[in-house]
Amino acid sequence: MGALYRAPSQGFKLANTTPLEFLRQVRQEVGRVSWPTRKETTVTTAMVFAMVIVAAIFFFLVDEILARGVQLVLGIGS
């Protein structure tokens, strides 16, 4: 089994890579990755939760304003 690659003007071909060679290459690539620290991950996660809460409040308020506007214009709902 090999990886797909595209040779110039030849379409897609299968690279001659053995499964063991592929795993070795994967291990090398994983070693090159710049992994975030625990603190960076925690801060990023907290920011995501904060933005989700802000977005939820924003869309709740927009929904309430639109619902009251529709009730006012159409005179339906309670």
PDB file of N, CA and C in Angstrom:
ATOM      1  N   MET A   1       0.854  -1.179   0.000  1.00  0.00           N
ATOM      2  CA  MET A   1       0.000   0.000   0.000  1.00  0.00           C
ATOM      3  C   MET A   1       0.889   1.228   0.000  1.00  0.00           C
ATOM      4  N   GLY A   2       0.573   2.182  -0.808  1.00  0.00           N
ATOM      5  CA  GLY A   2       1.379   3.388  -0.877  1.00  0.00           C
ATOM      6  C   GLY A   2       0.510   4.622  -0.818  1.00  0.00           C
ATOM      7  N   ALA A   3       1.162   5.755  -0.786  1.00  0.00           N
ATOM      8  CA  ALA A   3       0.456   7.027  -0.725  1.00  0.00           C
ATOM      9  C   ALA A   3       0.226   7.531  -2.144  1.00  0.00           C
ATOM     10  N   LEU A   4      -0.888   8.229  -2.336  1.00  0.00           N
ATOM     11  CA  LEU A   4      -1.173   8.819  -3.636  1.00  0.00           C
ATOM     12  C   LEU A   4      -0.377  10.100  -3.789  1.00  0.00           C
ATOM     13  N   TYR A   5       0.162  10.315  -4.950  1.00  0.00           N
ATOM     14  CA  TYR A   5       0.798  11.579  -5.248  1.00  0.00           C
ATOM     15  C   TYR A   5       0.505  11.918  -6.694  1.00  0.00           C
ATOM     16  N   ARG A   6       0.660  13.182  -7.032  1.00  0.00           N
ATOM     17  CA  ARG A   6       0.373  13.612  -8.402  1.00  0.00           C
ATOM     18  C   ARG A   6       1.664  14.034  -9.066  1.00  0.00           C
ATOM     19  N   ALA A   7       2.002  13.306 -10.094  1.00  0.00           N
ATOM     20  CA  ALA A   7       3.169  13.655 -10.897  1.00  0.00           C
ATOM     21  C   ALA A   7       2.730  14.691 -11.936  1.00  0.00           C
ATOM     22  N   PRO A   8       3.609  15.620 -12.282  1.00  0.00           N
ATOM     23  CA  PRO A   8       3.238  16.643 -13.268  1.00  0.00           C
ATOM     24  C   PRO A   8       2.753  16.017 -14.573  1.00  0.00           C
ATOM     25  N   SER A   9       1.560  16.395 -14.978  1.00  0.00           N
ATOM     26  CA  SER A   9       0.923  15.980 -16.232  1.00  0.00           C
ATOM     27  C   SER A   9       0.824  14.465 -16.404  1.00  0.00           C
ATOM     28  N   GLN A  10       0.854  13.696 -15.315  1.00  0.00           N
ATOM     29  CA  GLN A  10       0.718  12.244 -15.437  1.00  0.00           C
ATOM     30  C   GLN A  10      -0.462  11.704 -14.651  1.00  0.00           C
ATOM     31  N   GLY A  11      -1.237  12.579 -14.020  1.00  0.00           N
ATOM     32  CA  GLY A  11      -2.355  12.106 -13.215  1.00  0.00           C
ATOM     33  C   GLY A  11      -1.868  11.604 -11.863  1.00  0.00           C
ATOM     34  N   PHE A  12      -2.702  10.782 -11.221  1.00  0.00           N
ATOM     35  CA  PHE A  12      -2.349  10.264  -9.902  1.00  0.00           C
ATOM     36  C   PHE A  12      -1.660   8.909 -10.020  1.00  0.00           C
ATOM     37  N   LYS A  13      -0.639   8.721  -9.209  1.00  0.00           N
ATOM     38  CA  LYS A  13       0.081   7.450  -9.175  1.00  0.00           C
ATOM     39  C   LYS A  13       0.215   7.014  -7.735  1.00  0.00           C
ATOM     40  N   LEU A  14       0.477   5.756  -7.523  1.00  0.00           N
ATOM     41  CA  LEU A  14       0.674   5.210  -6.194  1.00  0.00           C
ATOM     42  C   LEU A  14       2.162   5.158  -5.891  1.00  0.00           C
ATOM     43  N   ALA A  15       2.572   5.822  -4.796  1.00  0.00           N
ATOM     44  CA  ALA A  15       3.984   5.824  -4.421  1.00  0.00           C
ATOM     45  C   ALA A  15       4.358   4.447  -3.886  1.00  0.00           C
ATOM     46  N   ASN A  16       5.552   4.013  -4.163  1.00  0.00           N
ATOM     47  CA  ASN A  16       6.029   2.716  -3.692  1.00  0.00           C
ATOM     48  C   ASN A  16       6.551   2.857  -2.268  1.00  0.00           C
ATOM     49  N   THR A  17       5.648   2.765  -1.318  1.00  0.00           N
ATOM     50  CA  THR A  17       6.002   2.891   0.090  1.00  0.00           C
ATOM     51  C   THR A  17       5.447   1.696   0.833  1.00  0.00           C
ATOM     52  N   THR A  18       6.306   1.032   1.577  1.00  0.00           N
ATOM     53  CA  THR A  18       5.836  -0.111   2.359  1.00  0.00           C
ATOM     54  C   THR A  18       5.130   0.400   3.605  1.00  0.00           C
ATOM     55  N   PRO A  19       4.284  -0.416   4.211  1.00  0.00           N
ATOM     56  CA  PRO A  19       3.608   0.008   5.446  1.00  0.00           C
ATOM     57  C   PRO A  19       4.594   0.420   6.546  1.00  0.00           C
ATOM     58  N   LEU A  20       5.713  -0.287   6.661  1.00  0.00           N
ATOM     59  CA  LEU A  20       6.688   0.075   7.687  1.00  0.00           C
ATOM     60  C   LEU A  20       7.348   1.415   7.382  1.00  0.00           C
ATOM     61  N   GLU A  21       7.645   1.655   6.113  1.00  0.00           N
ATOM     62  CA  GLU A  21       8.226   2.936   5.718  1.00  0.00           C
ATOM     63  C   GLU A  21       7.225   4.065   5.965  1.00  0.00           C
ATOM     64  N   PHE A  22       5.965   3.803   5.648  1.00  0.00           N
ATOM     65  CA  PHE A  22       4.921   4.794   5.890  1.00  0.00           C
ATOM     66  C   PHE A  22       4.853   5.143   7.378  1.00  0.00           C
ATOM     67  N   LEU A  23       4.843   4.141   8.250  1.00  0.00           N
ATOM     68  CA  LEU A  23       4.791   4.382   9.694  1.00  0.00           C
ATOM     69  C   LEU A  23       6.025   5.151  10.166  1.00  0.00           C
ATOM     70  N   ARG A  24       7.184   4.867   9.589  1.00  0.00           N
ATOM     71  CA  ARG A  24       8.396   5.595   9.951  1.00  0.00           C
ATOM     72  C   ARG A  24       8.261   7.072   9.571  1.00  0.00           C
ATOM     73  N   GLN A  25       7.703   7.319   8.385  1.00  0.00           N
ATOM     74  CA  GLN A  25       7.506   8.693   7.936  1.00  0.00           C
ATOM     75  C   GLN A  25       6.484   9.425   8.818  1.00  0.00           C
ATOM     76  N   VAL A  26       5.448   8.712   9.201  1.00  0.00           N
ATOM     77  CA  VAL A  26       4.444   9.312  10.090  1.00  0.00           C
ATOM     78  C   VAL A  26       5.094   9.689  11.415  1.00  0.00           C
ATOM     79  N   ARG A  27       5.909   8.806  11.957  1.00  0.00           N
ATOM     80  CA  ARG A  27       6.587   9.080  13.236  1.00  0.00           C
ATOM     81  C   ARG A  27       7.497  10.306  13.117  1.00  0.00           C
ATOM     82  N   GLN A  28       8.188  10.438  11.984  1.00  0.00           N
ATOM     83  CA  GLN A  28       9.038  11.609  11.764  1.00  0.00           C
ATOM     84  C   GLN A  28       8.199  12.887  11.727  1.00  0.00           C
ATOM     85  N   GLU A  29       7.083  12.849  11.020  1.00  0.00           N
ATOM     86  CA  GLU A  29       6.226  14.031  10.899  1.00  0.00           C
ATOM     87  C   GLU A  29       5.642  14.423  12.252  1.00  0.00           C
ATOM     88  N   VAL A  30       5.220  13.442  13.035  1.00  0.00           N
ATOM     89  CA  VAL A  30       4.667  13.727  14.359  1.00  0.00           C
ATOM     90  C   VAL A  30       5.733  14.379  15.231  1.00  0.00           C
ATOM     91  N   GLY A  31       6.970  13.973  15.078  1.00  0.00           N
ATOM     92  CA  GLY A  31       8.057  14.577  15.840  1.00  0.00           C
ATOM     93  C   GLY A  31       8.313  16.029  15.467  1.00  0.00           C
ATOM     94  N   ARG A  32       7.929  16.430  14.259  1.00  0.00           N
ATOM     95  CA  ARG A  32       8.137  17.805  13.795  1.00  0.00           C
ATOM     96  C   ARG A  32       7.010  18.744  14.213  1.00  0.00           C
ATOM     97  N   VAL A  33       5.906  18.187  14.668  1.00  0.00           N
ATOM     98  CA  VAL A  33       4.748  18.999  15.026  1.00  0.00           C
ATOM     99  C   VAL A  33       5.058  19.821  16.270  1.00  0.00           C
ATOM    100  N   SER A  34       4.641  21.069  16.241  1.00  0.00           N
ATOM    101  CA  SER A  34       4.801  21.942  17.406  1.00  0.00           C
ATOM    102  C   SER A  34       3.533  21.816  18.246  1.00  0.00           C
ATOM    103  N   TRP A  35       3.575  20.971  19.264  1.00  0.00           N
ATOM    104  CA  TRP A  35       2.406  20.708  20.090  1.00  0.00           C
ATOM    105  C   TRP A  35       2.198  21.836  21.089  1.00  0.00           C
ATOM    106  N   PRO A  36       0.932  22.225  21.342  1.00  0.00           N
ATOM    107  CA  PRO A  36       0.681  23.283  22.318  1.00  0.00           C
ATOM    108  C   PRO A  36       0.928  22.790  23.741  1.00  0.00           C
ATOM    109  N   THR A  37       1.264  23.734  24.604  1.00  0.00           N
ATOM    110  CA  THR A  37       1.466  23.382  26.008  1.00  0.00           C
ATOM    111  C   THR A  37       0.100  23.199  26.665  1.00  0.00           C
ATOM    112  N   ARG A  38       0.111  22.641  27.870  1.00  0.00           N
ATOM    113  CA  ARG A  38      -1.140  22.456  28.605  1.00  0.00           C
ATOM    114  C   ARG A  38      -1.803  23.807  28.856  1.00  0.00           C
ATOM    115  N   LYS A  39      -1.000  24.824  29.179  1.00  0.00           N
ATOM    116  CA  LYS A  39      -1.551  26.156  29.444  1.00  0.00           C
ATOM    117  C   LYS A  39      -2.205  26.732  28.186  1.00  0.00           C
ATOM    118  N   GLU A  40      -1.536  26.607  27.035  1.00  0.00           N
ATOM    119  CA  GLU A  40      -2.107  27.100  25.777  1.00  0.00           C
ATOM    120  C   GLU A  40      -3.423  26.401  25.458  1.00  0.00           C
ATOM    121  N   THR A  41      -3.467  25.098  25.684  1.00  0.00           N
ATOM    122  CA  THR A  41      -4.686  24.337  25.425  1.00  0.00           C
ATOM    123  C   THR A  41      -5.806  24.774  26.355  1.00  0.00           C
ATOM    124  N   THR A  42      -5.480  24.980  27.626  1.00  0.00           N
ATOM    125  CA  THR A  42      -6.485  25.401  28.607  1.00  0.00           C
ATOM    126  C   THR A  42      -7.032  26.783  28.271  1.00  0.00           C
ATOM    127  N   VAL A  43      -6.138  27.712  27.939  1.00  0.00           N
ATOM    128  CA  VAL A  43      -6.571  29.069  27.600  1.00  0.00           C
ATOM    129  C   VAL A  43      -7.435  29.058  26.341  1.00  0.00           C
ATOM    130  N   THR A  44      -7.015  28.319  25.345  1.00  0.00           N
ATOM    131  CA  THR A  44      -7.786  28.240  24.096  1.00  0.00           C
ATOM    132  C   THR A  44      -9.167  27.630  24.337  1.00  0.00           C
ATOM    133  N   THR A  45      -9.217  26.577  25.139  1.00  0.00           N
ATOM    134  CA  THR A  45     -10.499  25.940  25.455  1.00  0.00           C
ATOM    135  C   THR A  45     -11.411  26.911  26.193  1.00  0.00           C
ATOM    136  N   ALA A  46     -10.870  27.637  27.156  1.00  0.00           N
ATOM    137  CA  ALA A  46     -11.663  28.613  27.905  1.00  0.00           C
ATOM    138  C   ALA A  46     -12.196  29.700  26.973  1.00  0.00           C
ATOM    139  N   MET A  47     -11.372  30.146  26.031  1.00  0.00           N
ATOM    140  CA  MET A  47     -11.819  31.174  25.082  1.00  0.00           C
ATOM    141  C   MET A  47     -12.930  30.648  24.173  1.00  0.00           C
ATOM    142  N   VAL A  48     -12.825  29.407  23.774  1.00  0.00           N
ATOM    143  CA  VAL A  48     -13.879  28.810  22.935  1.00  0.00           C
ATOM    144  C   VAL A  48     -15.186  28.768  23.707  1.00  0.00           C
ATOM    145  N   PHE A  49     -15.148  28.309  24.969  1.00  0.00           N
ATOM    146  CA  PHE A  49     -16.364  28.270  25.783  1.00  0.00           C
ATOM    147  C   PHE A  49     -16.934  29.675  25.976  1.00  0.00           C
ATOM    148  N   ALA A  50     -16.072  30.655  26.227  1.00  0.00           N
ATOM    149  CA  ALA A  50     -16.539  32.024  26.416  1.00  0.00           C
ATOM    150  C   ALA A  50     -17.217  32.551  25.148  1.00  0.00           C
ATOM    151  N   MET A  51     -16.616  32.301  24.002  1.00  0.00           N
ATOM    152  CA  MET A  51     -17.208  32.769  22.745  1.00  0.00           C
ATOM    153  C   MET A  51     -18.523  32.059  22.428  1.00  0.00           C
ATOM    154  N   VAL A  52     -18.626  30.787  22.801  1.00  0.00           N
ATOM    155  CA  VAL A  52     -19.887  30.056  22.604  1.00  0.00           C
ATOM    156  C   VAL A  52     -20.980  30.684  23.453  1.00  0.00           C
ATOM    157  N   ILE A  53     -20.649  31.041  24.701  1.00  0.00           N
ATOM    158  CA  ILE A  53     -21.639  31.668  25.581  1.00  0.00           C
ATOM    159  C   ILE A  53     -22.046  33.037  25.036  1.00  0.00           C
ATOM    160  N   VAL A  54     -21.070  33.826  24.584  1.00  0.00           N
ATOM    161  CA  VAL A  54     -21.373  35.142  24.013  1.00  0.00           C
ATOM    162  C   VAL A  54     -22.261  34.989  22.780  1.00  0.00           C
ATOM    163  N   ALA A  55     -21.945  34.049  21.916  1.00  0.00           N
ATOM    164  CA  ALA A  55     -22.750  33.836  20.701  1.00  0.00           C
ATOM    165  C   ALA A  55     -24.160  33.373  21.067  1.00  0.00           C
ATOM    166  N   ALA A  56     -24.280  32.502  22.055  1.00  0.00           N
ATOM    167  CA  ALA A  56     -25.606  32.018  22.477  1.00  0.00           C
ATOM    168  C   ALA A  56     -26.455  33.165  23.003  1.00  0.00           C
ATOM    169  N   ILE A  57     -25.854  34.022  23.823  1.00  0.00           N
ATOM    170  CA  ILE A  57     -26.597  35.174  24.356  1.00  0.00           C
ATOM    171  C   ILE A  57     -26.997  36.114  23.221  1.00  0.00           C
ATOM    172  N   PHE A  58     -26.071  36.374  22.302  1.00  0.00           N
ATOM    173  CA  PHE A  58     -26.364  37.252  21.173  1.00  0.00           C
ATOM    174  C   PHE A  58     -27.541  36.725  20.348  1.00  0.00           C
ATOM    175  N   PHE A  59     -27.495  35.447  19.978  1.00  0.00           N
ATOM    176  CA  PHE A  59     -28.566  34.899  19.151  1.00  0.00           C
ATOM    177  C   PHE A  59     -29.880  34.791  19.917  1.00  0.00           C
ATOM    178  N   PHE A  60     -29.826  34.561  21.225  1.00  0.00           N
ATOM    179  CA  PHE A  60     -31.041  34.567  22.037  1.00  0.00           C
ATOM    180  C   PHE A  60     -31.684  35.952  21.991  1.00  0.00           C
ATOM    181  N   LEU A  61     -30.871  36.998  22.185  1.00  0.00           N
ATOM    182  CA  LEU A  61     -31.408  38.355  22.168  1.00  0.00           C
ATOM    183  C   LEU A  61     -31.966  38.727  20.798  1.00  0.00           C
ATOM    184  N   VAL A  62     -31.246  38.382  19.736  1.00  0.00           N
ATOM    185  CA  VAL A  62     -31.740  38.664  18.382  1.00  0.00           C
ATOM    186  C   VAL A  62     -33.057  37.935  18.138  1.00  0.00           C
ATOM    187  N   ASP A  63     -33.150  36.685  18.572  1.00  0.00           N
ATOM    188  CA  ASP A  63     -34.382  35.907  18.409  1.00  0.00           C
ATOM    189  C   ASP A  63     -35.541  36.553  19.172  1.00  0.00           C
ATOM    190  N   GLU A  64     -35.274  36.995  20.394  1.00  0.00           N
ATOM    191  CA  GLU A  64     -36.321  37.637  21.193  1.00  0.00           C
ATOM    192  C   GLU A  64     -36.788  38.928  20.544  1.00  0.00           C
ATOM    193  N   ILE A  65     -35.858  39.727  20.061  1.00  0.00           N
ATOM    194  CA  ILE A  65     -36.217  40.998  19.414  1.00  0.00           C
ATOM    195  C   ILE A  65     -37.046  40.744  18.155  1.00  0.00           C
ATOM    196  N   LEU A  66     -36.620  39.786  17.345  1.00  0.00           N
ATOM    197  CA  LEU A  66     -37.369  39.474  16.123  1.00  0.00           C
ATOM    198  C   LEU A  66     -38.753  38.909  16.454  1.00  0.00           C
ATOM    199  N   ALA A  67     -38.839  38.055  17.466  1.00  0.00           N
ATOM    200  CA  ALA A  67     -40.132  37.477  17.851  1.00  0.00           C
ATOM    201  C   ALA A  67     -41.091  38.567  18.314  1.00  0.00           C
ATOM    202  N   ARG A  68     -40.590  39.490  19.125  1.00  0.00           N
ATOM    203  CA  ARG A  68     -41.457  40.584  19.590  1.00  0.00           C
ATOM    204  C   ARG A  68     -41.842  41.509  18.431  1.00  0.00           C
ATOM    205  N   GLY A  69     -40.936  41.718  17.499  1.00  0.00           N
ATOM    206  CA  GLY A  69     -41.265  42.521  16.324  1.00  0.00           C
ATOM    207  C   GLY A  69     -42.351  41.873  15.483  1.00  0.00           C
ATOM    208  N   VAL A  70     -42.262  40.573  15.286  1.00  0.00           N
ATOM    209  CA  VAL A  70     -43.277  39.848  14.519  1.00  0.00           C
ATOM    210  C   VAL A  70     -44.617  39.908  15.260  1.00  0.00           C
ATOM    211  N   GLN A  71     -44.580  39.716  16.586  1.00  0.00           N
ATOM    212  CA  GLN A  71     -45.829  39.788  17.380  1.00  0.00           C
ATOM    213  C   GLN A  71     -46.452  41.172  17.247  1.00  0.00           C
ATOM    214  N   LEU A  72     -45.631  42.199  17.286  1.00  0.00           N
ATOM    215  CA  LEU A  72     -46.129  43.574  17.189  1.00  0.00           C
ATOM    216  C   LEU A  72     -46.750  43.843  15.825  1.00  0.00           C
ATOM    217  N   VAL A  73     -46.063  43.418  14.764  1.00  0.00           N
ATOM    218  CA  VAL A  73     -46.548  43.690  13.408  1.00  0.00           C
ATOM    219  C   VAL A  73     -47.768  42.844  13.059  1.00  0.00           C
ATOM    220  N   LEU A  74     -47.712  41.545  13.376  1.00  0.00           N
ATOM    221  CA  LEU A  74     -48.786  40.638  12.973  1.00  0.00           C
ATOM    222  C   LEU A  74     -49.871  40.494  14.027  1.00  0.00           C
ATOM    223  N   GLY A  75     -49.575  40.895  15.242  1.00  0.00           N
ATOM    224  CA  GLY A  75     -50.577  40.792  16.313  1.00  0.00           C
ATOM    225  C   GLY A  75     -50.884  39.368  16.690  1.00  0.00           C
ATOM    226  N   ILE A  76     -49.904  38.447  16.516  1.00  0.00           N
ATOM    227  CA  ILE A  76     -50.146  37.062  16.900  1.00  0.00           C
ATOM    228  C   ILE A  76     -49.192  36.675  18.022  1.00  0.00           C
ATOM    229  N   GLY A  77     -49.499  35.608  18.664  1.00  0.00           N
ATOM    230  CA  GLY A  77     -48.671  35.129  19.765  1.00  0.00           C
ATOM    231  C   GLY A  77     -49.085  35.829  21.051  1.00  0.00           C
ATOM    232  N   SER A  78     -48.459  35.407  22.114  1.00  0.00           N
ATOM    233  CA  SER A  78     -48.814  36.037  23.394  1.00  0.00           C
ATOM    234  C   SER A  78     -47.599  36.493  24.145  1.00  0.00           C
TER     235      SER A  78
END
